[in-house]
Amino acid sequence: MPMRPYDVKCTRPGCEQLAQFKIAARWSDGITQELKTYALCCGDCVAELFRQARAKQAACRLASGEQLDVPGIFELRRGQRDAQLSRCLELEQLLTPANTDLNDEVEFPCNGS
């Protein structure tokens, strides 16, 4: 029996908005790979949760043979699997300019693309 569609909410505590983005990093143990999800978030929360995901990944200890890439921002689309999600490289660059610390506040226009 197929699952019914459902709304995915932002995972930041206290936020009730619909999630527009998946913040995730490619993880592999050398045999299999998947996206490790750090957050599902709305446009209002993406900057904060992206910074938190980067900090968590940097502190992550890996077992021998494991690889965990730096988290990225992916646009959520109903019915699409992880491999089909589009990466939001421009948004990532906007939130992590070379001269900006991840703890700095960054304002950006968010249109979900």
Protein backbone atom coordinates (compact mmCIF):
# COMPACT_ATOMS: atom_id res chain seq x y z
CA MET A 1 0.00 0.00 0.00
CA PRO A 2 1.55 3.37 -1.02
CA MET A 3 2.12 6.01 1.63
CA ARG A 4 -0.14 9.01 1.59
CA PRO A 5 1.53 12.35 0.90
CA TYR A 6 2.14 14.43 4.00
CA ASP A 7 3.53 17.87 4.76
CA VAL A 8 7.10 18.01 6.03
CA LYS A 9 7.57 20.68 8.69
CA CYS A 10 10.74 22.56 9.58
CA THR A 11 12.68 20.69 12.25
CA ARG A 12 13.84 23.78 14.19
CA PRO A 13 12.08 23.69 17.56
CA GLY A 14 9.18 26.13 17.64
CA CYS A 15 8.93 26.55 13.87
CA GLU A 16 5.72 25.33 12.26
CA GLN A 17 6.49 26.31 8.66
CA LEU A 18 6.75 23.81 5.82
CA ALA A 19 10.27 22.60 5.04
CA GLN A 20 11.73 23.84 1.75
CA PHE A 21 15.27 22.53 2.20
CA LYS A 22 17.17 19.46 3.34
CA ILE A 23 20.56 20.11 4.91
CA ALA A 24 22.59 16.94 4.44
CA ALA A 25 26.04 15.51 3.75
CA ARG A 26 27.13 12.49 1.76
CA TRP A 27 28.26 9.70 4.10
CA SER A 28 30.02 6.51 3.04
CA ASP A 29 31.58 3.55 4.79
CA GLY A 30 33.45 2.58 1.62
CA ILE A 31 30.76 0.14 0.49
CA THR A 32 27.50 2.01 0.72
CA GLN A 33 26.64 5.70 0.70
CA GLU A 34 23.70 7.88 1.64
CA LEU A 35 22.80 11.43 2.58
CA LYS A 36 23.07 12.05 6.31
CA THR A 37 20.30 14.48 7.15
CA TYR A 38 21.09 17.28 9.60
CA ALA A 39 17.84 19.26 9.18
CA LEU A 40 14.71 19.80 7.15
CA CYS A 41 13.99 23.51 7.19
CA CYS A 42 12.07 26.49 5.90
CA GLY A 43 13.63 29.54 4.29
CA ASP A 44 13.55 31.49 7.56
CA CYS A 45 15.58 28.85 9.44
CA VAL A 46 18.00 27.67 6.74
CA ALA A 47 20.91 29.98 7.69
CA GLU A 48 20.84 29.01 11.39
CA LEU A 49 20.44 25.28 10.74
CA PHE A 50 23.10 25.30 8.00
CA ARG A 51 25.62 26.82 10.42
CA GLN A 52 24.67 24.22 13.06
CA ALA A 53 25.04 21.37 10.55
CA ARG A 54 28.51 22.57 9.52
CA ALA A 55 29.57 22.74 13.18
CA LYS A 56 28.20 19.24 13.91
CA GLN A 57 29.96 17.77 10.87
CA ALA A 58 33.26 19.40 11.82
CA ALA A 59 33.03 17.81 15.30
CA CYS A 60 32.00 14.37 14.00
CA ARG A 61 34.38 11.48 14.68
CA LEU A 62 34.43 8.82 11.98
CA ALA A 63 35.31 5.14 12.13
CA SER A 64 38.06 3.78 9.92
CA GLY A 65 36.93 3.80 6.28
CA GLU A 66 34.07 6.23 6.83
CA GLN A 67 33.81 9.48 4.90
CA LEU A 68 31.48 12.39 5.66
CA ASP A 69 31.38 15.34 3.27
CA VAL A 70 30.65 18.91 4.29
CA PRO A 71 26.88 19.50 4.58
CA GLY A 72 25.06 21.08 1.67
CA ILE A 73 21.61 22.53 1.09
CA PHE A 74 19.20 20.62 -1.14
CA GLU A 75 15.78 21.77 -2.38
CA LEU A 76 13.02 19.47 -1.14
CA ARG A 77 10.60 18.21 -3.78
CA ARG A 78 7.62 15.99 -2.99
CA GLY A 79 8.17 12.44 -4.26
CA GLN A 80 11.89 12.81 -5.03
CA ARG A 81 14.54 10.57 -3.52
CA ASP A 82 17.83 11.93 -2.19
CA ALA A 83 19.71 11.25 -5.44
CA GLN A 84 17.17 13.38 -7.33
CA LEU A 85 17.33 16.44 -5.07
CA SER A 86 18.85 19.62 -6.54
CA ARG A 87 21.73 21.16 -4.61
CA CYS A 88 21.38 24.88 -3.86
CA LEU A 89 25.01 25.89 -4.43
CA GLU A 90 24.27 29.61 -4.75
CA LEU A 91 22.47 29.63 -1.40
CA GLU A 92 25.34 27.72 0.22
CA GLN A 93 27.83 30.25 -1.14
CA LEU A 94 25.69 33.12 0.08
CA LEU A 95 25.58 31.63 3.57
CA THR A 96 29.31 30.80 3.72
CA PRO A 97 31.28 33.56 2.01
CA ALA A 98 35.05 33.08 2.27
CA ASN A 99 35.41 36.12 4.51
CA THR A 100 32.49 35.31 6.84
CA ASP A 101 32.65 33.20 9.97
CA LEU A 102 29.87 30.60 10.22
CA ASN A 103 28.79 32.26 13.48
CA ASP A 104 28.12 35.62 11.77
CA GLU A 105 24.56 36.56 10.87
CA VAL A 106 23.92 36.55 7.11
CA GLU A 107 20.80 37.99 5.51
CA PHE A 108 19.68 36.60 2.17
CA PRO A 109 16.70 36.57 -0.12
CA CYS A 110 15.08 33.15 0.03
CA ASN A 111 12.86 32.07 -2.81
CA GLY A 112 13.17 28.30 -2.37
CA SER A 113 15.47 27.78 -5.34
